[in-house]
Amino acid sequence: MTEETEVEQPLDGSTNGDTPAEEAAAEPTPDPVAEAEARVAERTADLQRLQAEFVNYKRRVERDRELLRENATFSALAPIVEVLDTIDRAREHEPLEGGFKAVAEQLERTVAASGLIRYGEAGDAFDPSLHEALSHVGTDPEVTVTTCKVIAKAGYRIGERVVRAAQVLVVDPAEG
């Protein structure tokens, strides 16, 4: 009695009789140096990305810290603007003398050292982001742009942030 055995052929056309040596020859052997270089390149890219993220984080934290400091300074110094206005009105009435003069000057130095900057002088070009025009008082042939003629109240800023706009009377250039 003879039996026929059927050998199933895989659908991809390969034979089951491939030896491990033949399979190994079909696949390229991995190069350990190339693999190591690929891992180094991948880890280097990861490290560079993490370093960039850390630098961006530090910048963001520093920016937030500066904004917090500026907001705290603004909150502390904004109410003092009215006190400085009162001192200015007292000076306009008569020169300051004695202890009040010393206190006023020390207060002005202290707020200036904290970053509160006074601005607004007669003759400054009118800038709506820095000045509040209370009134137009006509024209002036001596000016070429709208100009602050009278400063009713000085303006104050901390850095580039306006605490209070200078309140001014303005003149326009003469036509012609």
C-alpha atoms as a PDB file:
ATOM      1  CA  MET A   1       0.000   0.000   0.000  1.00  0.00           C
ATOM      2  CA  THR A   2       1.297   3.306  -0.976  1.00  0.00           C
ATOM      3  CA  GLU A   3      -0.015   6.471   0.386  1.00  0.00           C
ATOM      4  CA  GLU A   4       0.371   9.761  -1.184  1.00  0.00           C
ATOM      5  CA  THR A   5       0.914  12.598   1.109  1.00  0.00           C
ATOM      6  CA  GLU A   6      -0.036  16.000   0.051  1.00  0.00           C
ATOM      7  CA  VAL A   7       2.293  18.784   0.860  1.00  0.00           C
ATOM      8  CA  GLU A   8       0.585  22.073   1.204  1.00  0.00           C
ATOM      9  CA  GLN A   9       2.242  24.920  -0.570  1.00  0.00           C
ATOM     10  CA  PRO A  10       1.955  28.357   1.007  1.00  0.00           C
ATOM     11  CA  LEU A  11       0.005  30.812  -1.070  1.00  0.00           C
ATOM     12  CA  ASP A  12       2.972  33.178  -1.456  1.00  0.00           C
ATOM     13  CA  GLY A  13       4.806  30.653  -3.545  1.00  0.00           C
ATOM     14  CA  SER A  14       7.554  29.816  -1.093  1.00  0.00           C
ATOM     15  CA  THR A  15       8.321  26.310  -0.114  1.00  0.00           C
ATOM     16  CA  ASN A  16       8.302  24.938   3.361  1.00  0.00           C
ATOM     17  CA  GLY A  17      11.632  23.402   2.743  1.00  0.00           C
ATOM     18  CA  ASP A  18      13.586  26.630   3.245  1.00  0.00           C
ATOM     19  CA  THR A  19      16.398  26.096   5.631  1.00  0.00           C
ATOM     20  CA  PRO A  20      17.279  28.633   8.294  1.00  0.00           C
ATOM     21  CA  ALA A  21      20.415  29.493   6.348  1.00  0.00           C
ATOM     22  CA  GLU A  22      18.345  30.300   3.294  1.00  0.00           C
ATOM     23  CA  GLU A  23      15.975  32.468   5.377  1.00  0.00           C
ATOM     24  CA  ALA A  24      18.898  34.328   6.929  1.00  0.00           C
ATOM     25  CA  ALA A  25      20.381  34.973   3.517  1.00  0.00           C
ATOM     26  CA  ALA A  26      17.066  36.434   2.367  1.00  0.00           C
ATOM     27  CA  GLU A  27      16.979  38.969   5.235  1.00  0.00           C
ATOM     28  CA  PRO A  28      19.758  41.529   5.433  1.00  0.00           C
ATOM     29  CA  THR A  29      21.823  41.179   8.557  1.00  0.00           C
ATOM     30  CA  PRO A  30      21.521  44.158  10.860  1.00  0.00           C
ATOM     31  CA  ASP A  31      24.667  46.233  11.107  1.00  0.00           C
ATOM     32  CA  PRO A  32      25.363  46.909  14.810  1.00  0.00           C
ATOM     33  CA  VAL A  33      27.221  50.143  14.009  1.00  0.00           C
ATOM     34  CA  ALA A  34      24.351  51.463  11.891  1.00  0.00           C
ATOM     35  CA  GLU A  35      21.865  50.541  14.611  1.00  0.00           C
ATOM     36  CA  ALA A  36      23.951  52.313  17.242  1.00  0.00           C
ATOM     37  CA  GLU A  37      24.270  55.413  15.045  1.00  0.00           C
ATOM     38  CA  ALA A  38      20.505  55.442  14.488  1.00  0.00           C
ATOM     39  CA  ARG A  39      19.876  55.195  18.242  1.00  0.00           C
ATOM     40  CA  VAL A  40      22.395  57.983  18.902  1.00  0.00           C
ATOM     41  CA  ALA A  41      20.738  60.199  16.269  1.00  0.00           C
ATOM     42  CA  GLU A  42      17.303  59.506  17.741  1.00  0.00           C
ATOM     43  CA  ARG A  43      18.434  60.237  21.294  1.00  0.00           C
ATOM     44  CA  THR A  44      20.269  63.377  20.145  1.00  0.00           C
ATOM     45  CA  ALA A  45      17.072  64.627  18.485  1.00  0.00           C
ATOM     46  CA  ASP A  46      15.120  63.844  21.678  1.00  0.00           C
ATOM     47  CA  LEU A  47      17.680  65.706  23.775  1.00  0.00           C
ATOM     48  CA  GLN A  48      17.629  68.738  21.478  1.00  0.00           C
ATOM     49  CA  ARG A  49      13.837  68.828  21.605  1.00  0.00           C
ATOM     50  CA  LEU A  50      13.864  68.607  25.414  1.00  0.00           C
ATOM     51  CA  GLN A  51      16.482  71.350  25.644  1.00  0.00           C
ATOM     52  CA  ALA A  52      14.388  73.610  23.393  1.00  0.00           C
ATOM     53  CA  GLU A  53      11.300  72.904  25.508  1.00  0.00           C
ATOM     54  CA  PHE A  54      13.243  73.748  28.670  1.00  0.00           C
ATOM     55  CA  VAL A  55      14.560  77.027  27.210  1.00  0.00           C
ATOM     56  CA  ASN A  56      11.018  77.976  26.161  1.00  0.00           C
ATOM     57  CA  TYR A  57       9.742  77.067  29.633  1.00  0.00           C
ATOM     58  CA  LYS A  58      12.380  79.277  31.268  1.00  0.00           C
ATOM     59  CA  ARG A  59      11.448  82.189  28.986  1.00  0.00           C
ATOM     60  CA  ARG A  60       7.760  81.743  29.749  1.00  0.00           C
ATOM     61  CA  VAL A  61       8.383  81.606  33.506  1.00  0.00           C
ATOM     62  CA  GLU A  62      10.600  84.716  33.350  1.00  0.00           C
ATOM     63  CA  ARG A  63       7.992  86.578  31.275  1.00  0.00           C
ATOM     64  CA  ASP A  64       5.250  85.591  33.750  1.00  0.00           C
ATOM     65  CA  ARG A  65       7.429  86.608  36.691  1.00  0.00           C
ATOM     66  CA  GLU A  66       8.126  90.016  35.105  1.00  0.00           C
ATOM     67  CA  LEU A  67       4.427  90.539  34.374  1.00  0.00           C
ATOM     68  CA  LEU A  68       3.541  89.648  37.957  1.00  0.00           C
ATOM     69  CA  ARG A  69       6.150  92.092  39.272  1.00  0.00           C
ATOM     70  CA  GLU A  70       4.885  94.841  36.953  1.00  0.00           C
ATOM     71  CA  ASN A  71       1.263  94.238  38.002  1.00  0.00           C
ATOM     72  CA  ALA A  72       2.205  94.342  41.690  1.00  0.00           C
ATOM     73  CA  THR A  73       4.144  97.581  41.157  1.00  0.00           C
ATOM     74  CA  PHE A  74       1.194  99.044  39.245  1.00  0.00           C
ATOM     75  CA  SER A  75      -1.251  98.094  42.021  1.00  0.00           C
ATOM     76  CA  ALA A  76       0.977  99.590  44.703  1.00  0.00           C
ATOM     77  CA  LEU A  77       1.861 102.842  42.914  1.00  0.00           C
ATOM     78  CA  ALA A  78      -1.379 103.732  41.087  1.00  0.00           C
ATOM     79  CA  PRO A  79      -3.105 105.123  44.216  1.00  0.00           C
ATOM     80  CA  ILE A  80      -0.059 107.298  44.974  1.00  0.00           C
ATOM     81  CA  VAL A  81      -0.604 109.278  41.750  1.00  0.00           C
ATOM     82  CA  GLU A  82      -3.330 111.339  43.460  1.00  0.00           C
ATOM     83  CA  VAL A  83      -0.965 112.120  46.347  1.00  0.00           C
ATOM     84  CA  LEU A  84       1.644 113.326  43.850  1.00  0.00           C
ATOM     85  CA  ASP A  85      -1.024 115.527  42.214  1.00  0.00           C
ATOM     86  CA  THR A  86      -1.803 117.081  45.591  1.00  0.00           C
ATOM     87  CA  ILE A  87       1.889 117.805  46.126  1.00  0.00           C
ATOM     88  CA  ASP A  88       2.049 119.448  42.668  1.00  0.00           C
ATOM     89  CA  ARG A  89      -0.961 121.654  43.475  1.00  0.00           C
ATOM     90  CA  ALA A  90       0.660 122.650  46.773  1.00  0.00           C
ATOM     91  CA  ARG A  91       3.842 123.622  44.873  1.00  0.00           C
ATOM     92  CA  GLU A  92       1.803 125.738  42.447  1.00  0.00           C
ATOM     93  CA  HIS A  93       0.269 127.633  45.359  1.00  0.00           C
ATOM     94  CA  GLU A  94       3.578 128.339  47.097  1.00  0.00           C
ATOM     95  CA  PRO A  95       7.039 126.772  47.358  1.00  0.00           C
ATOM     96  CA  LEU A  96       7.238 123.810  49.704  1.00  0.00           C
ATOM     97  CA  GLU A  97       9.215 124.381  52.895  1.00  0.00           C
ATOM     98  CA  GLY A  98      10.616 122.484  55.829  1.00  0.00           C
ATOM     99  CA  GLY A  99       9.583 118.969  56.676  1.00  0.00           C
ATOM    100  CA  PHE A 100       6.805 118.796  54.090  1.00  0.00           C
ATOM    101  CA  LYS A 101       9.298 119.613  51.336  1.00  0.00           C
ATOM    102  CA  ALA A 102      11.627 116.826  52.512  1.00  0.00           C
ATOM    103  CA  VAL A 103       8.768 114.300  52.699  1.00  0.00           C
ATOM    104  CA  ALA A 104       7.464 115.272  49.237  1.00  0.00           C
ATOM    105  CA  GLU A 105      10.915 114.970  47.666  1.00  0.00           C
ATOM    106  CA  GLN A 106      11.560 111.616  49.334  1.00  0.00           C
ATOM    107  CA  LEU A 107       8.183 110.294  48.148  1.00  0.00           C
ATOM    108  CA  GLU A 108       8.933 111.432  44.583  1.00  0.00           C
ATOM    109  CA  ARG A 109      12.381 109.780  44.660  1.00  0.00           C
ATOM    110  CA  THR A 110      10.951 106.561  46.084  1.00  0.00           C
ATOM    111  CA  VAL A 111       8.209 106.173  43.479  1.00  0.00           C
ATOM    112  CA  ALA A 112      10.667 107.056  40.690  1.00  0.00           C
ATOM    113  CA  ALA A 113      13.057 104.367  41.967  1.00  0.00           C
ATOM    114  CA  SER A 114      10.135 101.909  41.930  1.00  0.00           C
ATOM    115  CA  GLY A 115       9.550 102.624  38.251  1.00  0.00           C
ATOM    116  CA  LEU A 116       6.789 105.259  38.286  1.00  0.00           C
ATOM    117  CA  ILE A 117       7.797 107.800  35.654  1.00  0.00           C
ATOM    118  CA  ARG A 118       6.185 111.213  35.350  1.00  0.00           C
ATOM    119  CA  TYR A 119       5.663 112.630  31.868  1.00  0.00           C
ATOM    120  CA  GLY A 120       3.898 115.457  30.080  1.00  0.00           C
ATOM    121  CA  GLU A 121       5.386 118.874  29.429  1.00  0.00           C
ATOM    122  CA  ALA A 122       3.990 121.895  27.633  1.00  0.00           C
ATOM    123  CA  GLY A 123       5.239 121.722  24.052  1.00  0.00           C
ATOM    124  CA  ASP A 124       5.110 117.923  23.745  1.00  0.00           C
ATOM    125  CA  ALA A 125       3.488 116.599  20.580  1.00  0.00           C
ATOM    126  CA  PHE A 126       0.013 115.311  21.402  1.00  0.00           C
ATOM    127  CA  ASP A 127      -0.116 111.500  21.493  1.00  0.00           C
ATOM    128  CA  PRO A 128      -3.573 110.048  22.231  1.00  0.00           C
ATOM    129  CA  SER A 129      -2.009 106.931  23.762  1.00  0.00           C
ATOM    130  CA  LEU A 130      -0.221 109.119  26.346  1.00  0.00           C
ATOM    131  CA  HIS A 131      -2.372 112.247  26.608  1.00  0.00           C
ATOM    132  CA  GLU A 132      -6.025 112.927  27.342  1.00  0.00           C
ATOM    133  CA  ALA A 133      -7.122 116.106  25.555  1.00  0.00           C
ATOM    134  CA  LEU A 134      -9.454 118.028  27.828  1.00  0.00           C
ATOM    135  CA  SER A 135      -9.940 120.825  25.311  1.00  0.00           C
ATOM    136  CA  HIS A 136      -8.676 122.426  22.107  1.00  0.00           C
ATOM    137  CA  VAL A 137      -7.610 126.016  22.738  1.00  0.00           C
ATOM    138  CA  GLY A 138      -7.335 127.185  19.156  1.00  0.00           C
ATOM    139  CA  THR A 139      -4.430 127.277  16.756  1.00  0.00           C
ATOM    140  CA  ASP A 140      -0.803 128.312  17.064  1.00  0.00           C
ATOM    141  CA  PRO A 141       1.311 129.346  14.051  1.00  0.00           C
ATOM    142  CA  GLU A 142       4.464 128.197  15.863  1.00  0.00           C
ATOM    143  CA  VAL A 143       3.505 124.491  15.946  1.00  0.00           C
ATOM    144  CA  THR A 144       3.500 122.020  13.061  1.00  0.00           C
ATOM    145  CA  VAL A 145       1.525 119.231  14.767  1.00  0.00           C
ATOM    146  CA  THR A 146      -1.160 119.153  17.430  1.00  0.00           C
ATOM    147  CA  THR A 147       0.729 120.099  20.589  1.00  0.00           C
ATOM    148  CA  CYS A 148       0.138 120.066  24.345  1.00  0.00           C
ATOM    149  CA  LYS A 149      -0.158 123.743  25.364  1.00  0.00           C
ATOM    150  CA  VAL A 150      -1.133 123.367  29.025  1.00  0.00           C
ATOM    151  CA  ILE A 151      -0.633 120.349  31.302  1.00  0.00           C
ATOM    152  CA  ALA A 152      -3.608 120.146  33.674  1.00  0.00           C
ATOM    153  CA  LYS A 153      -2.345 116.928  35.326  1.00  0.00           C
ATOM    154  CA  ALA A 154       0.918 115.131  34.646  1.00  0.00           C
ATOM    155  CA  GLY A 155       0.807 111.620  33.258  1.00  0.00           C
ATOM    156  CA  TYR A 156       2.473 108.623  34.879  1.00  0.00           C
ATOM    157  CA  ARG A 157       3.666 105.320  33.490  1.00  0.00           C
ATOM    158  CA  ILE A 158       5.482 102.227  34.669  1.00  0.00           C
ATOM    159  CA  GLY A 159       7.718 100.994  31.898  1.00  0.00           C
ATOM    160  CA  GLU A 160       5.561 101.264  28.779  1.00  0.00           C
ATOM    161  CA  ARG A 161       2.296 100.858  30.701  1.00  0.00           C
ATOM    162  CA  VAL A 162       0.354 104.081  31.253  1.00  0.00           C
ATOM    163  CA  VAL A 163      -0.887 104.434  34.831  1.00  0.00           C
ATOM    164  CA  ARG A 164      -2.702 107.666  34.032  1.00  0.00           C
ATOM    165  CA  ALA A 165      -2.677 109.658  30.813  1.00  0.00           C
ATOM    166  CA  ALA A 166      -1.532 113.265  31.074  1.00  0.00           C
ATOM    167  CA  GLN A 167      -4.544 115.570  30.998  1.00  0.00           C
ATOM    168  CA  VAL A 168      -3.775 118.404  28.597  1.00  0.00           C
ATOM    169  CA  LEU A 169      -5.116 121.364  26.653  1.00  0.00           C
ATOM    170  CA  VAL A 170      -3.978 121.204  23.040  1.00  0.00           C
ATOM    171  CA  VAL A 171      -3.415 123.609  20.159  1.00  0.00           C
ATOM    172  CA  ASP A 172      -3.552 122.762  16.486  1.00  0.00           C
ATOM    173  CA  PRO A 173      -1.153 124.075  13.846  1.00  0.00           C
ATOM    174  CA  ALA A 174      -2.337 127.135  11.943  1.00  0.00           C
ATOM    175  CA  GLU A 175      -3.838 126.361   8.545  1.00  0.00           C
ATOM    176  CA  GLY A 176      -2.096 127.575   5.456  1.00  0.00           C
END
